[in-house]
Amino acid sequence: MRKVLGAVAGVKKKQAWYESAKELLKSVQEVRHFLQHFDREMGKLVKGTFPIGGCVIASFPGAETTYARVLSSTPARSREFRY
């Protein structure tokens, strides 16, 4: 929006409404920066966190039974199942 306002022909940048609009747009500047540099910012966002959902499941045949291992993508512990 800031770019659009600046590109409109005939808009005087010293008018009160223009200054007010620029001031209001400052409140979303952090979001704009995040989206503009999405690739770099996404790495910072997920660093040290866990995905919202999902898991890896593997099963291993044993001599007497089959074992399964579930690794959750949350801070919850992994769990071993025998069946």
N, C-alpha and C. Protein backbone atom coordinates (compact mmCIF):
# COMPACT_ATOMS: atom_id res chain seq x y z
N MET A 1 0.83 -1.19 0.00
CA MET A 1 0.00 0.00 0.00
C MET A 1 0.87 1.25 0.00
N ARG A 2 1.96 1.18 0.75
CA ARG A 2 2.88 2.32 0.79
C ARG A 2 3.43 2.62 -0.60
N LYS A 3 3.80 1.57 -1.34
CA LYS A 3 4.32 1.74 -2.70
C LYS A 3 3.25 2.30 -3.64
N VAL A 4 2.03 1.81 -3.49
CA VAL A 4 0.93 2.29 -4.34
C VAL A 4 0.69 3.77 -4.09
N LEU A 5 0.61 4.16 -2.84
CA LEU A 5 0.39 5.58 -2.52
C LEU A 5 1.52 6.44 -3.07
N GLY A 6 2.74 5.95 -2.99
CA GLY A 6 3.87 6.73 -3.48
C GLY A 6 3.92 6.83 -4.99
N ALA A 7 3.29 5.89 -5.69
CA ALA A 7 3.34 5.87 -7.15
C ALA A 7 2.17 6.59 -7.81
N VAL A 8 1.14 6.93 -7.05
CA VAL A 8 -0.04 7.59 -7.62
C VAL A 8 0.33 9.00 -8.04
N ALA A 9 0.04 9.33 -9.29
CA ALA A 9 0.36 10.66 -9.81
C ALA A 9 -0.49 11.72 -9.14
N GLY A 10 0.11 12.83 -8.83
CA GLY A 10 -0.60 13.96 -8.29
C GLY A 10 -0.78 13.95 -6.77
N VAL A 11 -0.34 12.91 -6.12
CA VAL A 11 -0.47 12.85 -4.65
C VAL A 11 0.65 13.67 -4.03
N LYS A 12 0.24 14.60 -3.20
CA LYS A 12 1.21 15.43 -2.50
C LYS A 12 1.59 14.74 -1.18
N LYS A 13 2.85 14.44 -1.06
CA LYS A 13 3.32 13.66 0.09
C LYS A 13 3.29 14.43 1.41
N LYS A 14 3.06 15.69 1.36
CA LYS A 14 2.99 16.49 2.58
C LYS A 14 1.55 16.70 3.06
N GLN A 15 0.57 16.16 2.35
CA GLN A 15 -0.82 16.31 2.77
C GLN A 15 -1.06 15.47 4.04
N ALA A 16 -1.96 15.96 4.87
CA ALA A 16 -2.22 15.31 6.16
C ALA A 16 -2.71 13.87 6.01
N TRP A 17 -3.60 13.62 5.04
CA TRP A 17 -4.13 12.26 4.87
C TRP A 17 -3.03 11.28 4.46
N TYR A 18 -2.07 11.77 3.65
CA TYR A 18 -0.97 10.92 3.21
C TYR A 18 -0.05 10.59 4.39
N GLU A 19 0.26 11.59 5.18
CA GLU A 19 1.08 11.38 6.37
C GLU A 19 0.40 10.42 7.35
N SER A 20 -0.93 10.56 7.51
CA SER A 20 -1.69 9.66 8.38
C SER A 20 -1.65 8.23 7.86
N ALA A 21 -1.81 8.06 6.54
CA ALA A 21 -1.77 6.73 5.94
C ALA A 21 -0.41 6.08 6.16
N LYS A 22 0.66 6.84 5.96
CA LYS A 22 2.01 6.31 6.19
C LYS A 22 2.19 5.91 7.66
N GLU A 23 1.66 6.69 8.55
CA GLU A 23 1.78 6.39 9.98
C GLU A 23 1.03 5.10 10.32
N LEU A 24 -0.16 4.93 9.76
CA LEU A 24 -0.94 3.70 10.00
C LEU A 24 -0.23 2.46 9.44
N LEU A 25 0.43 2.62 8.31
CA LEU A 25 1.12 1.49 7.68
C LEU A 25 2.34 1.03 8.47
N LYS A 26 2.87 1.88 9.35
CA LYS A 26 4.00 1.48 10.18
C LYS A 26 3.66 0.30 11.08
N SER A 27 2.38 0.17 11.44
CA SER A 27 1.97 -0.92 12.34
C SER A 27 2.09 -2.29 11.68
N VAL A 28 2.12 -2.35 10.35
CA VAL A 28 2.25 -3.63 9.65
C VAL A 28 3.62 -3.79 9.00
N GLN A 29 4.54 -2.92 9.33
CA GLN A 29 5.87 -2.95 8.72
C GLN A 29 6.60 -4.25 9.04
N GLU A 30 6.48 -4.76 10.23
CA GLU A 30 7.15 -6.01 10.60
C GLU A 30 6.62 -7.18 9.77
N VAL A 31 5.32 -7.22 9.54
CA VAL A 31 4.72 -8.28 8.71
C VAL A 31 5.21 -8.13 7.27
N ARG A 32 5.24 -6.91 6.77
CA ARG A 32 5.73 -6.66 5.41
C ARG A 32 7.17 -7.15 5.27
N HIS A 33 8.00 -6.85 6.25
CA HIS A 33 9.40 -7.27 6.21
C HIS A 33 9.50 -8.80 6.20
N PHE A 34 8.70 -9.46 7.03
CA PHE A 34 8.70 -10.93 7.07
C PHE A 34 8.34 -11.51 5.71
N LEU A 35 7.31 -10.98 5.08
CA LEU A 35 6.89 -11.50 3.78
C LEU A 35 7.89 -11.16 2.68
N GLN A 36 8.51 -10.00 2.77
CA GLN A 36 9.47 -9.60 1.75
C GLN A 36 10.70 -10.50 1.77
N HIS A 37 11.12 -10.91 2.95
CA HIS A 37 12.31 -11.76 3.12
C HIS A 37 11.89 -13.13 3.65
N PHE A 38 10.86 -13.69 3.05
CA PHE A 38 10.22 -14.90 3.56
C PHE A 38 11.19 -16.07 3.75
N ASP A 39 12.03 -16.34 2.77
CA ASP A 39 12.94 -17.49 2.87
C ASP A 39 13.86 -17.38 4.08
N ARG A 40 14.46 -16.24 4.27
CA ARG A 40 15.37 -16.06 5.40
C ARG A 40 14.61 -16.04 6.73
N GLU A 41 13.48 -15.36 6.77
CA GLU A 41 12.71 -15.25 8.00
C GLU A 41 12.08 -16.57 8.41
N MET A 42 11.70 -17.41 7.44
CA MET A 42 11.09 -18.69 7.77
C MET A 42 12.08 -19.56 8.53
N GLY A 43 13.34 -19.53 8.15
CA GLY A 43 14.36 -20.29 8.87
C GLY A 43 14.45 -19.85 10.32
N LYS A 44 14.36 -18.55 10.58
CA LYS A 44 14.39 -18.05 11.95
C LYS A 44 13.15 -18.48 12.73
N LEU A 45 12.01 -18.50 12.04
CA LEU A 45 10.75 -18.83 12.70
C LEU A 45 10.74 -20.27 13.19
N VAL A 46 11.25 -21.20 12.38
CA VAL A 46 11.15 -22.62 12.74
C VAL A 46 12.37 -23.13 13.51
N LYS A 47 13.41 -22.34 13.60
CA LYS A 47 14.61 -22.78 14.31
C LYS A 47 14.29 -23.07 15.78
N GLY A 48 14.57 -24.29 16.19
CA GLY A 48 14.36 -24.68 17.59
C GLY A 48 12.92 -25.00 17.93
N THR A 49 12.05 -25.09 16.94
CA THR A 49 10.66 -25.43 17.20
C THR A 49 10.34 -26.78 16.56
N PHE A 50 9.18 -27.26 16.79
CA PHE A 50 8.74 -28.53 16.24
C PHE A 50 7.54 -28.29 15.33
N PRO A 51 7.39 -29.09 14.29
CA PRO A 51 6.21 -28.96 13.44
C PRO A 51 4.92 -29.18 14.24
N ILE A 52 3.83 -28.70 13.72
CA ILE A 52 2.55 -28.82 14.42
C ILE A 52 2.09 -30.27 14.50
N GLY A 53 2.27 -31.04 13.44
CA GLY A 53 1.79 -32.41 13.47
C GLY A 53 2.65 -33.31 12.60
N GLY A 54 2.35 -34.57 12.67
CA GLY A 54 3.07 -35.54 11.85
C GLY A 54 3.93 -36.45 12.70
N CYS A 55 4.26 -37.59 12.12
CA CYS A 55 5.11 -38.53 12.82
C CYS A 55 5.75 -39.49 11.82
N VAL A 56 6.79 -40.17 12.27
CA VAL A 56 7.44 -41.21 11.49
C VAL A 56 7.16 -42.52 12.20
N ILE A 57 6.68 -43.49 11.44
CA ILE A 57 6.35 -44.81 12.02
C ILE A 57 7.20 -45.86 11.30
N ALA A 58 7.83 -46.71 12.07
CA ALA A 58 8.62 -47.81 11.50
C ALA A 58 8.33 -49.07 12.28
N SER A 59 8.35 -50.21 11.61
CA SER A 59 8.16 -51.49 12.32
C SER A 59 9.35 -52.39 12.02
N PHE A 60 9.69 -53.21 13.01
CA PHE A 60 10.84 -54.09 12.93
C PHE A 60 10.43 -55.49 13.34
N PRO A 61 10.63 -56.48 12.49
CA PRO A 61 10.29 -57.85 12.89
C PRO A 61 11.32 -58.37 13.89
N GLY A 62 10.83 -58.96 14.96
CA GLY A 62 11.69 -59.57 15.96
C GLY A 62 11.57 -61.08 15.88
N ALA A 63 12.29 -61.78 16.72
CA ALA A 63 12.26 -63.25 16.73
C ALA A 63 10.87 -63.76 17.13
N GLU A 64 10.26 -63.11 18.14
CA GLU A 64 8.98 -63.59 18.64
C GLU A 64 7.82 -62.64 18.35
N THR A 65 8.13 -61.38 18.08
CA THR A 65 7.08 -60.39 17.85
C THR A 65 7.59 -59.30 16.92
N THR A 66 6.74 -58.40 16.50
CA THR A 66 7.12 -57.26 15.68
C THR A 66 7.09 -56.01 16.54
N TYR A 67 8.09 -55.18 16.41
CA TYR A 67 8.17 -53.93 17.16
C TYR A 67 7.86 -52.76 16.22
N ALA A 68 7.22 -51.77 16.74
CA ALA A 68 6.96 -50.55 15.98
C ALA A 68 7.46 -49.37 16.79
N ARG A 69 7.98 -48.39 16.10
CA ARG A 69 8.47 -47.18 16.75
C ARG A 69 7.75 -45.99 16.11
N VAL A 70 7.19 -45.14 16.96
CA VAL A 70 6.52 -43.93 16.49
C VAL A 70 7.33 -42.74 17.01
N LEU A 71 7.80 -41.92 16.08
CA LEU A 71 8.52 -40.70 16.44
C LEU A 71 7.64 -39.51 16.10
N SER A 72 7.18 -38.83 17.10
CA SER A 72 6.28 -37.70 16.91
C SER A 72 7.09 -36.44 16.64
N SER A 73 6.51 -35.52 15.90
CA SER A 73 7.19 -34.27 15.58
C SER A 73 6.93 -33.20 16.63
N THR A 74 6.51 -33.60 17.78
CA THR A 74 6.28 -32.67 18.89
C THR A 74 7.27 -32.98 20.00
N PRO A 75 7.33 -32.18 21.02
CA PRO A 75 8.26 -32.48 22.12
C PRO A 75 7.88 -33.74 22.90
N ALA A 76 6.76 -34.38 22.56
CA ALA A 76 6.37 -35.61 23.26
C ALA A 76 7.41 -36.69 23.00
N ARG A 77 7.55 -37.59 23.93
CA ARG A 77 8.52 -38.67 23.80
C ARG A 77 8.09 -39.69 22.76
N SER A 78 9.07 -40.41 22.24
CA SER A 78 8.75 -41.49 21.32
C SER A 78 8.21 -42.67 22.13
N ARG A 79 7.54 -43.55 21.47
CA ARG A 79 6.89 -44.65 22.18
C ARG A 79 7.11 -45.93 21.40
N GLU A 80 7.39 -47.00 22.08
CA GLU A 80 7.59 -48.30 21.44
C GLU A 80 6.35 -49.15 21.66
N PHE A 81 5.92 -49.79 20.60
CA PHE A 81 4.75 -50.67 20.66
C PHE A 81 5.17 -52.08 20.25
N ARG A 82 4.58 -53.05 20.90
CA ARG A 82 4.77 -54.45 20.51
C ARG A 82 3.44 -55.01 20.11
N TYR A 83 3.40 -55.70 19.00
CA TYR A 83 2.15 -56.34 18.59
C TYR A 83 2.42 -57.66 17.95
